[in-house]
Amino acid sequence: MVGEIESYNQVIDFQNFLYQFKYEDEVQALEIQDLLDIDYEKLKELKVKALEFIDATSYLIQEKNKESEANAEEELVLFFNEKLQVRKL
């Protein structure tokens, strides 16, 4: 269940963007996270969870491969897919 995310161009009318500021100092004080609306705390949490997931799945695959089960990766994907389906309900 792998998908491809299609890329697209986001067009910004720079003139209209600048109209939201009254003073030049406001523009100069902008940070990249203000422009992109990124929650860095949430991003850090997701990164930690992703690394934990990677570690857990890598360990499980290695253990299954030691037991010479040929489809360890497939079984693991099916397991997590089932967990996702239960969570959606």
PDB file of N, CA and C in Angstrom:
ATOM      1  N   MET A   1       0.831  -1.176   0.000  1.00  0.00           N
ATOM      2  CA  MET A   1       0.000   0.000   0.000  1.00  0.00           C
ATOM      3  C   MET A   1       0.882   1.248   0.000  1.00  0.00           C
ATOM      4  N   VAL A   2       1.594   1.412  -1.071  1.00  0.00           N
ATOM      5  CA  VAL A   2       2.471   2.559  -1.223  1.00  0.00           C
ATOM      6  C   VAL A   2       1.867   3.484  -2.263  1.00  0.00           C
ATOM      7  N   GLY A   3       1.895   4.757  -1.968  1.00  0.00           N
ATOM      8  CA  GLY A   3       1.349   5.718  -2.915  1.00  0.00           C
ATOM      9  C   GLY A   3       2.378   6.776  -3.242  1.00  0.00           C
ATOM     10  N   GLU A   4       2.107   7.470  -4.278  1.00  0.00           N
ATOM     11  CA  GLU A   4       3.002   8.542  -4.692  1.00  0.00           C
ATOM     12  C   GLU A   4       2.296   9.871  -4.490  1.00  0.00           C
ATOM     13  N   ILE A   5       2.992  10.803  -3.884  1.00  0.00           N
ATOM     14  CA  ILE A   5       2.437  12.130  -3.665  1.00  0.00           C
ATOM     15  C   ILE A   5       2.811  12.986  -4.865  1.00  0.00           C
ATOM     16  N   GLU A   6       1.794  13.494  -5.518  1.00  0.00           N
ATOM     17  CA  GLU A   6       2.052  14.323  -6.689  1.00  0.00           C
ATOM     18  C   GLU A   6       2.498  15.714  -6.259  1.00  0.00           C
ATOM     19  N   SER A   7       3.485  16.219  -6.935  1.00  0.00           N
ATOM     20  CA  SER A   7       3.967  17.564  -6.615  1.00  0.00           C
ATOM     21  C   SER A   7       3.097  18.607  -7.308  1.00  0.00           C
ATOM     22  N   TYR A   8       3.070  19.770  -6.717  1.00  0.00           N
ATOM     23  CA  TYR A   8       2.328  20.872  -7.322  1.00  0.00           C
ATOM     24  C   TYR A   8       3.017  22.176  -6.965  1.00  0.00           C
ATOM     25  N   ASN A   9       2.756  23.187  -7.733  1.00  0.00           N
ATOM     26  CA  ASN A   9       3.341  24.504  -7.479  1.00  0.00           C
ATOM     27  C   ASN A   9       2.337  25.362  -6.729  1.00  0.00           C
ATOM     28  N   GLN A  10       2.807  25.959  -5.658  1.00  0.00           N
ATOM     29  CA  GLN A  10       1.974  26.889  -4.899  1.00  0.00           C
ATOM     30  C   GLN A  10       2.319  28.296  -5.359  1.00  0.00           C
ATOM     31  N   VAL A  11       1.357  28.975  -5.918  1.00  0.00           N
ATOM     32  CA  VAL A  11       1.575  30.314  -6.434  1.00  0.00           C
ATOM     33  C   VAL A  11       1.141  31.316  -5.371  1.00  0.00           C
ATOM     34  N   ILE A  12       2.028  32.240  -5.046  1.00  0.00           N
ATOM     35  CA  ILE A  12       1.739  33.274  -4.065  1.00  0.00           C
ATOM     36  C   ILE A  12       1.873  34.631  -4.742  1.00  0.00           C
ATOM     37  N   ASP A  13       0.848  35.424  -4.604  1.00  0.00           N
ATOM     38  CA  ASP A  13       0.908  36.790  -5.100  1.00  0.00           C
ATOM     39  C   ASP A  13       1.654  37.602  -4.047  1.00  0.00           C
ATOM     40  N   PHE A  14       2.898  37.899  -4.326  1.00  0.00           N
ATOM     41  CA  PHE A  14       3.760  38.552  -3.353  1.00  0.00           C
ATOM     42  C   PHE A  14       3.221  39.926  -2.944  1.00  0.00           C
ATOM     43  N   GLN A  15       2.635  40.636  -3.864  1.00  0.00           N
ATOM     44  CA  GLN A  15       2.067  41.956  -3.566  1.00  0.00           C
ATOM     45  C   GLN A  15       0.953  41.835  -2.522  1.00  0.00           C
ATOM     46  N   ASN A  16       0.042  40.885  -2.736  1.00  0.00           N
ATOM     47  CA  ASN A  16      -1.040  40.672  -1.774  1.00  0.00           C
ATOM     48  C   ASN A  16      -0.507  40.180  -0.433  1.00  0.00           C
ATOM     49  N   PHE A  17       0.513  39.355  -0.473  1.00  0.00           N
ATOM     50  CA  PHE A  17       1.125  38.864   0.761  1.00  0.00           C
ATOM     51  C   PHE A  17       1.651  40.025   1.606  1.00  0.00           C
ATOM     52  N   LEU A  18       2.294  40.979   0.965  1.00  0.00           N
ATOM     53  CA  LEU A  18       2.879  42.099   1.701  1.00  0.00           C
ATOM     54  C   LEU A  18       1.825  43.069   2.240  1.00  0.00           C
ATOM     55  N   TYR A  19       0.629  43.066   1.660  1.00  0.00           N
ATOM     56  CA  TYR A  19      -0.425  43.968   2.128  1.00  0.00           C
ATOM     57  C   TYR A  19      -0.863  43.671   3.563  1.00  0.00           C
ATOM     58  N   GLN A  20      -0.584  42.489   4.063  1.00  0.00           N
ATOM     59  CA  GLN A  20      -1.001  42.163   5.420  1.00  0.00           C
ATOM     60  C   GLN A  20      -0.123  42.819   6.496  1.00  0.00           C
ATOM     61  N   PHE A  21       0.983  43.432   6.082  1.00  0.00           N
ATOM     62  CA  PHE A  21       1.885  44.088   7.018  1.00  0.00           C
ATOM     63  C   PHE A  21       1.767  45.602   6.898  1.00  0.00           C
ATOM     64  N   LYS A  22       1.793  46.270   8.047  1.00  0.00           N
ATOM     65  CA  LYS A  22       1.702  47.727   8.042  1.00  0.00           C
ATOM     66  C   LYS A  22       3.073  48.380   7.968  1.00  0.00           C
ATOM     67  N   TYR A  23       4.062  47.745   8.590  1.00  0.00           N
ATOM     68  CA  TYR A  23       5.387  48.353   8.687  1.00  0.00           C
ATOM     69  C   TYR A  23       6.454  47.396   8.166  1.00  0.00           C
ATOM     70  N   GLU A  24       7.509  47.962   7.662  1.00  0.00           N
ATOM     71  CA  GLU A  24       8.619  47.165   7.125  1.00  0.00           C
ATOM     72  C   GLU A  24       9.257  46.306   8.201  1.00  0.00           C
ATOM     73  N   ASP A  25       9.273  46.788   9.436  1.00  0.00           N
ATOM     74  CA  ASP A  25       9.855  46.017  10.538  1.00  0.00           C
ATOM     75  C   ASP A  25       9.140  44.684  10.747  1.00  0.00           C
ATOM     76  N   GLU A  26       7.829  44.661  10.505  1.00  0.00           N
ATOM     77  CA  GLU A  26       7.067  43.422  10.641  1.00  0.00           C
ATOM     78  C   GLU A  26       7.531  42.381   9.626  1.00  0.00           C
ATOM     79  N   VAL A  27       7.851  42.825   8.444  1.00  0.00           N
ATOM     80  CA  VAL A  27       8.320  41.913   7.399  1.00  0.00           C
ATOM     81  C   VAL A  27       9.710  41.394   7.748  1.00  0.00           C
ATOM     82  N   GLN A  28      10.556  42.266   8.218  1.00  0.00           N
ATOM     83  CA  GLN A  28      11.913  41.853   8.559  1.00  0.00           C
ATOM     84  C   GLN A  28      11.947  40.909   9.751  1.00  0.00           C
ATOM     85  N   ALA A  29      10.941  40.966  10.614  1.00  0.00           N
ATOM     86  CA  ALA A  29      10.894  40.116  11.802  1.00  0.00           C
ATOM     87  C   ALA A  29      10.328  38.725  11.514  1.00  0.00           C
ATOM     88  N   LEU A  30       9.864  38.501  10.281  1.00  0.00           N
ATOM     89  CA  LEU A  30       9.292  37.201   9.936  1.00  0.00           C
ATOM     90  C   LEU A  30      10.330  36.089  10.043  1.00  0.00           C
ATOM     91  N   GLU A  31       9.895  34.975  10.554  1.00  0.00           N
ATOM     92  CA  GLU A  31      10.713  33.769  10.605  1.00  0.00           C
ATOM     93  C   GLU A  31      10.147  32.772   9.596  1.00  0.00           C
ATOM     94  N   ILE A  32      10.969  31.840   9.186  1.00  0.00           N
ATOM     95  CA  ILE A  32      10.533  30.858   8.192  1.00  0.00           C
ATOM     96  C   ILE A  32       9.347  30.048   8.703  1.00  0.00           C
ATOM     97  N   GLN A  33       9.322  29.724  10.018  1.00  0.00           N
ATOM     98  CA  GLN A  33       8.192  28.962  10.545  1.00  0.00           C
ATOM     99  C   GLN A  33       6.894  29.765  10.517  1.00  0.00           C
ATOM    100  N   ASP A  34       7.001  31.102  10.554  1.00  0.00           N
ATOM    101  CA  ASP A  34       5.804  31.936  10.411  1.00  0.00           C
ATOM    102  C   ASP A  34       5.228  31.822   9.006  1.00  0.00           C
ATOM    103  N   LEU A  35       6.095  31.753   8.038  1.00  0.00           N
ATOM    104  CA  LEU A  35       5.647  31.663   6.651  1.00  0.00           C
ATOM    105  C   LEU A  35       5.084  30.284   6.319  1.00  0.00           C
ATOM    106  N   LEU A  36       5.714  29.261   6.856  1.00  0.00           N
ATOM    107  CA  LEU A  36       5.316  27.899   6.511  1.00  0.00           C
ATOM    108  C   LEU A  36       4.302  27.302   7.470  1.00  0.00           C
ATOM    109  N   ASP A  37       4.046  27.971   8.582  1.00  0.00           N
ATOM    110  CA  ASP A  37       3.075  27.498   9.571  1.00  0.00           C
ATOM    111  C   ASP A  37       3.419  26.085  10.030  1.00  0.00           C
ATOM    112  N   ILE A  38       4.643  25.924  10.510  1.00  0.00           N
ATOM    113  CA  ILE A  38       5.129  24.628  10.971  1.00  0.00           C
ATOM    114  C   ILE A  38       5.156  24.612  12.493  1.00  0.00           C
ATOM    115  N   ASP A  39       4.588  23.562  13.093  1.00  0.00           N
ATOM    116  CA  ASP A  39       4.638  23.359  14.532  1.00  0.00           C
ATOM    117  C   ASP A  39       5.852  22.473  14.811  1.00  0.00           C
ATOM    118  N   TYR A  40       6.969  23.103  15.190  1.00  0.00           N
ATOM    119  CA  TYR A  40       8.213  22.362  15.371  1.00  0.00           C
ATOM    120  C   TYR A  40       8.156  21.399  16.547  1.00  0.00           C
ATOM    121  N   GLU A  41       7.381  21.710  17.583  1.00  0.00           N
ATOM    122  CA  GLU A  41       7.238  20.789  18.703  1.00  0.00           C
ATOM    123  C   GLU A  41       6.548  19.503  18.244  1.00  0.00           C
ATOM    124  N   LYS A  42       5.482  19.656  17.473  1.00  0.00           N
ATOM    125  CA  LYS A  42       4.772  18.492  16.948  1.00  0.00           C
ATOM    126  C   LYS A  42       5.664  17.704  15.997  1.00  0.00           C
ATOM    127  N   LEU A  43       6.447  18.416  15.207  1.00  0.00           N
ATOM    128  CA  LEU A  43       7.365  17.769  14.277  1.00  0.00           C
ATOM    129  C   LEU A  43       8.406  16.938  15.030  1.00  0.00           C
ATOM    130  N   LYS A  44       8.929  17.470  16.139  1.00  0.00           N
ATOM    131  CA  LYS A  44       9.892  16.720  16.958  1.00  0.00           C
ATOM    132  C   LYS A  44       9.249  15.469  17.543  1.00  0.00           C
ATOM    133  N   GLU A  45       8.005  15.598  18.036  1.00  0.00           N
ATOM    134  CA  GLU A  45       7.289  14.442  18.584  1.00  0.00           C
ATOM    135  C   GLU A  45       7.113  13.364  17.520  1.00  0.00           C
ATOM    136  N   LEU A  46       6.715  13.779  16.327  1.00  0.00           N
ATOM    137  CA  LEU A  46       6.520  12.819  15.235  1.00  0.00           C
ATOM    138  C   LEU A  46       7.825  12.140  14.844  1.00  0.00           C
ATOM    139  N   LYS A  47       8.924  12.895  14.879  1.00  0.00           N
ATOM    140  CA  LYS A  47      10.216  12.323  14.537  1.00  0.00           C
ATOM    141  C   LYS A  47      10.614  11.255  15.550  1.00  0.00           C
ATOM    142  N   VAL A  48      10.398  11.533  16.832  1.00  0.00           N
ATOM    143  CA  VAL A  48      10.720  10.554  17.880  1.00  0.00           C
ATOM    144  C   VAL A  48       9.876   9.299  17.694  1.00  0.00           C
ATOM    145  N   LYS A  49       8.572   9.476  17.443  1.00  0.00           N
ATOM    146  CA  LYS A  49       7.692   8.321  17.244  1.00  0.00           C
ATOM    147  C   LYS A  49       8.096   7.525  16.006  1.00  0.00           C
ATOM    148  N   ALA A  50       8.476   8.218  14.948  1.00  0.00           N
ATOM    149  CA  ALA A  50       8.894   7.537  13.719  1.00  0.00           C
ATOM    150  C   ALA A  50      10.155   6.717  13.956  1.00  0.00           C
ATOM    151  N   LEU A  51      11.109   7.283  14.703  1.00  0.00           N
ATOM    152  CA  LEU A  51      12.337   6.545  15.005  1.00  0.00           C
ATOM    153  C   LEU A  51      12.052   5.313  15.870  1.00  0.00           C
ATOM    154  N   GLU A  52      11.133   5.450  16.831  1.00  0.00           N
ATOM    155  CA  GLU A  52      10.734   4.304  17.654  1.00  0.00           C
ATOM    156  C   GLU A  52      10.095   3.228  16.779  1.00  0.00           C
ATOM    157  N   PHE A  53       9.251   3.643  15.849  1.00  0.00           N
ATOM    158  CA  PHE A  53       8.590   2.713  14.938  1.00  0.00           C
ATOM    159  C   PHE A  53       9.619   1.986  14.078  1.00  0.00           C
ATOM    160  N   ILE A  54      10.572   2.732  13.553  1.00  0.00           N
ATOM    161  CA  ILE A  54      11.620   2.138  12.714  1.00  0.00           C
ATOM    162  C   ILE A  54      12.428   1.124  13.511  1.00  0.00           C
ATOM    163  N   ASP A  55      12.800   1.495  14.732  1.00  0.00           N
ATOM    164  CA  ASP A  55      13.566   0.574  15.579  1.00  0.00           C
ATOM    165  C   ASP A  55      12.781  -0.703  15.865  1.00  0.00           C
ATOM    166  N   ALA A  56      11.505  -0.543  16.215  1.00  0.00           N
ATOM    167  CA  ALA A  56      10.676  -1.701  16.546  1.00  0.00           C
ATOM    168  C   ALA A  56      10.488  -2.614  15.348  1.00  0.00           C
ATOM    169  N   THR A  57      10.187  -2.036  14.210  1.00  0.00           N
ATOM    170  CA  THR A  57       9.957  -2.871  13.032  1.00  0.00           C
ATOM    171  C   THR A  57      11.242  -3.535  12.558  1.00  0.00           C
ATOM    172  N   SER A  58      12.347  -2.832  12.651  1.00  0.00           N
ATOM    173  CA  SER A  58      13.627  -3.432  12.255  1.00  0.00           C
ATOM    174  C   SER A  58      13.948  -4.632  13.132  1.00  0.00           C
ATOM    175  N   TYR A  59      13.712  -4.473  14.432  1.00  0.00           N
ATOM    176  CA  TYR A  59      13.967  -5.569  15.364  1.00  0.00           C
ATOM    177  C   TYR A  59      13.074  -6.766  15.048  1.00  0.00           C
ATOM    178  N   LEU A  60      11.782  -6.519  14.828  1.00  0.00           N
ATOM    179  CA  LEU A  60      10.857  -7.606  14.530  1.00  0.00           C
ATOM    180  C   LEU A  60      11.227  -8.324  13.234  1.00  0.00           C
ATOM    181  N   ILE A  61      11.607  -7.574  12.236  1.00  0.00           N
ATOM    182  CA  ILE A  61      12.000  -8.198  10.958  1.00  0.00           C
ATOM    183  C   ILE A  61      13.241  -9.050  11.145  1.00  0.00           C
ATOM    184  N   GLN A  62      14.220  -8.557  11.900  1.00  0.00           N
ATOM    185  CA  GLN A  62      15.437  -9.337  12.148  1.00  0.00           C
ATOM    186  C   GLN A  62      15.119 -10.633  12.887  1.00  0.00           C
ATOM    187  N   GLU A  63      14.245 -10.542  13.890  1.00  0.00           N
ATOM    188  CA  GLU A  63      13.869 -11.740  14.643  1.00  0.00           C
ATOM    189  C   GLU A  63      13.137 -12.749  13.768  1.00  0.00           C
ATOM    190  N   LYS A  64      12.224 -12.261  12.949  1.00  0.00           N
ATOM    191  CA  LYS A  64      11.491 -13.166  12.055  1.00  0.00           C
ATOM    192  C   LYS A  64      12.441 -13.805  11.040  1.00  0.00           C
ATOM    193  N   ASN A  65      13.397 -13.016  10.545  1.00  0.00           N
ATOM    194  CA  ASN A  65      14.352 -13.566   9.576  1.00  0.00           C
ATOM    195  C   ASN A  65      15.242 -14.621  10.216  1.00  0.00           C
ATOM    196  N   LYS A  66      15.575 -14.452  11.487  1.00  0.00           N
ATOM    197  CA  LYS A  66      16.359 -15.462  12.207  1.00  0.00           C
ATOM    198  C   LYS A  66      15.577 -16.765  12.298  1.00  0.00           C
ATOM    199  N   GLU A  67      14.267 -16.638  12.431  1.00  0.00           N
ATOM    200  CA  GLU A  67      13.406 -17.818  12.499  1.00  0.00           C
ATOM    201  C   GLU A  67      13.140 -18.370  11.095  1.00  0.00           C
ATOM    202  N   SER A  68      13.807 -17.799  10.123  1.00  0.00           N
ATOM    203  CA  SER A  68      13.725 -18.160   8.703  1.00  0.00           C
ATOM    204  C   SER A  68      12.300 -18.109   8.158  1.00  0.00           C
ATOM    205  N   GLU A  69      11.558 -17.101   8.582  1.00  0.00           N
ATOM    206  CA  GLU A  69      10.245 -16.878   7.995  1.00  0.00           C
ATOM    207  C   GLU A  69      10.433 -15.946   6.807  1.00  0.00           C
ATOM    208  N   ALA A  70      10.101 -16.430   5.627  1.00  0.00           N
ATOM    209  CA  ALA A  70      10.412 -15.722   4.388  1.00  0.00           C
ATOM    210  C   ALA A  70       9.666 -14.402   4.242  1.00  0.00           C
ATOM    211  N   ASN A  71       8.454 -14.310   4.746  1.00  0.00           N
ATOM    212  CA  ASN A  71       7.624 -13.127   4.506  1.00  0.00           C
ATOM    213  C   ASN A  71       7.512 -12.236   5.743  1.00  0.00           C
ATOM    214  N   ALA A  72       8.593 -12.025   6.438  1.00  0.00           N
ATOM    215  CA  ALA A  72       8.564 -11.241   7.673  1.00  0.00           C
ATOM    216  C   ALA A  72       8.095  -9.814   7.421  1.00  0.00           C
ATOM    217  N   GLU A  73       8.596  -9.192   6.369  1.00  0.00           N
ATOM    218  CA  GLU A  73       8.208  -7.815   6.068  1.00  0.00           C
ATOM    219  C   GLU A  73       6.724  -7.730   5.734  1.00  0.00           C
ATOM    220  N   GLU A  74       6.259  -8.680   4.939  1.00  0.00           N
ATOM    221  CA  GLU A  74       4.852  -8.678   4.548  1.00  0.00           C
ATOM    222  C   GLU A  74       3.945  -8.883   5.756  1.00  0.00           C
ATOM    223  N   GLU A  75       4.316  -9.800   6.640  1.00  0.00           N
ATOM    224  CA  GLU A  75       3.526 -10.037   7.847  1.00  0.00           C
ATOM    225  C   GLU A  75       3.477  -8.797   8.721  1.00  0.00           C
ATOM    226  N   LEU A  76       4.591  -8.107   8.816  1.00  0.00           N
ATOM    227  CA  LEU A  76       4.656  -6.903   9.631  1.00  0.00           C
ATOM    228  C   LEU A  76       3.768  -5.804   9.064  1.00  0.00           C
ATOM    229  N   VAL A  77       3.782  -5.635   7.760  1.00  0.00           N
ATOM    230  CA  VAL A  77       2.929  -4.639   7.119  1.00  0.00           C
ATOM    231  C   VAL A  77       1.464  -4.983   7.339  1.00  0.00           C
ATOM    232  N   LEU A  78       1.105  -6.244   7.213  1.00  0.00           N
ATOM    233  CA  LEU A  78      -0.274  -6.663   7.449  1.00  0.00           C
ATOM    234  C   LEU A  78      -0.690  -6.411   8.902  1.00  0.00           C
ATOM    235  N   PHE A  79       0.219  -6.692   9.832  1.00  0.00           N
ATOM    236  CA  PHE A  79      -0.058  -6.452  11.251  1.00  0.00           C
ATOM    237  C   PHE A  79      -0.381  -4.981  11.501  1.00  0.00           C
ATOM    238  N   PHE A  80       0.467  -4.074  10.990  1.00  0.00           N
ATOM    239  CA  PHE A  80       0.242  -2.645  11.209  1.00  0.00           C
ATOM    240  C   PHE A  80      -0.982  -2.140  10.443  1.00  0.00           C
ATOM    241  N   ASN A  81      -1.261  -2.724   9.304  1.00  0.00           N
ATOM    242  CA  ASN A  81      -2.461  -2.356   8.558  1.00  0.00           C
ATOM    243  C   ASN A  81      -3.718  -2.707   9.358  1.00  0.00           C
ATOM    244  N   GLU A  82      -3.716  -3.880   9.976  1.00  0.00           N
ATOM    245  CA  GLU A  82      -4.841  -4.276  10.822  1.00  0.00           C
ATOM    246  C   GLU A  82      -4.999  -3.315  11.996  1.00  0.00           C
ATOM    247  N   LYS A  83      -3.892  -2.926  12.611  1.00  0.00           N
ATOM    248  CA  LYS A  83      -3.936  -1.981  13.729  1.00  0.00           C
ATOM    249  C   LYS A  83      -4.523  -0.640  13.286  1.00  0.00           C
ATOM    250  N   LEU A  84      -4.153  -0.189  12.094  1.00  0.00           N
ATOM    251  CA  LEU A  84      -4.705   1.060  11.576  1.00  0.00           C
ATOM    252  C   LEU A  84      -6.198   0.957  11.346  1.00  0.00           C
ATOM    253  N   GLN A  85      -6.647  -0.178  10.818  1.00  0.00           N
ATOM    254  CA  GLN A  85      -8.076  -0.365  10.554  1.00  0.00           C
ATOM    255  C   GLN A  85      -8.862  -0.360  11.857  1.00  0.00           C
ATOM    256  N   VAL A  86      -8.329  -0.998  12.904  1.00  0.00           N
ATOM    257  CA  VAL A  86      -9.003  -1.020  14.209  1.00  0.00           C
ATOM    258  C   VAL A  86      -9.073   0.391  14.781  1.00  0.00           C
ATOM    259  N   ARG A  87      -8.009   1.145  14.614  1.00  0.00           N
ATOM    260  CA  ARG A  87      -7.956   2.515  15.157  1.00  0.00           C
ATOM    261  C   ARG A  87      -8.959   3.427  14.454  1.00  0.00           C
ATOM    262  N   LYS A  88      -9.197   3.200  13.164  1.00  0.00           N
ATOM    263  CA  LYS A  88     -10.128   4.039  12.408  1.00  0.00           C
ATOM    264  C   LYS A  88     -11.565   3.835  12.874  1.00  0.00           C
ATOM    265  N   LEU A  89     -11.870   2.642  13.369  1.00  0.00           N
ATOM    266  CA  LEU A  89     -13.242   2.350  13.819  1.00  0.00           C
ATOM    267  C   LEU A  89     -13.460   3.098  15.085  1.00  0.00           C
TER     268      LEU A  89
END
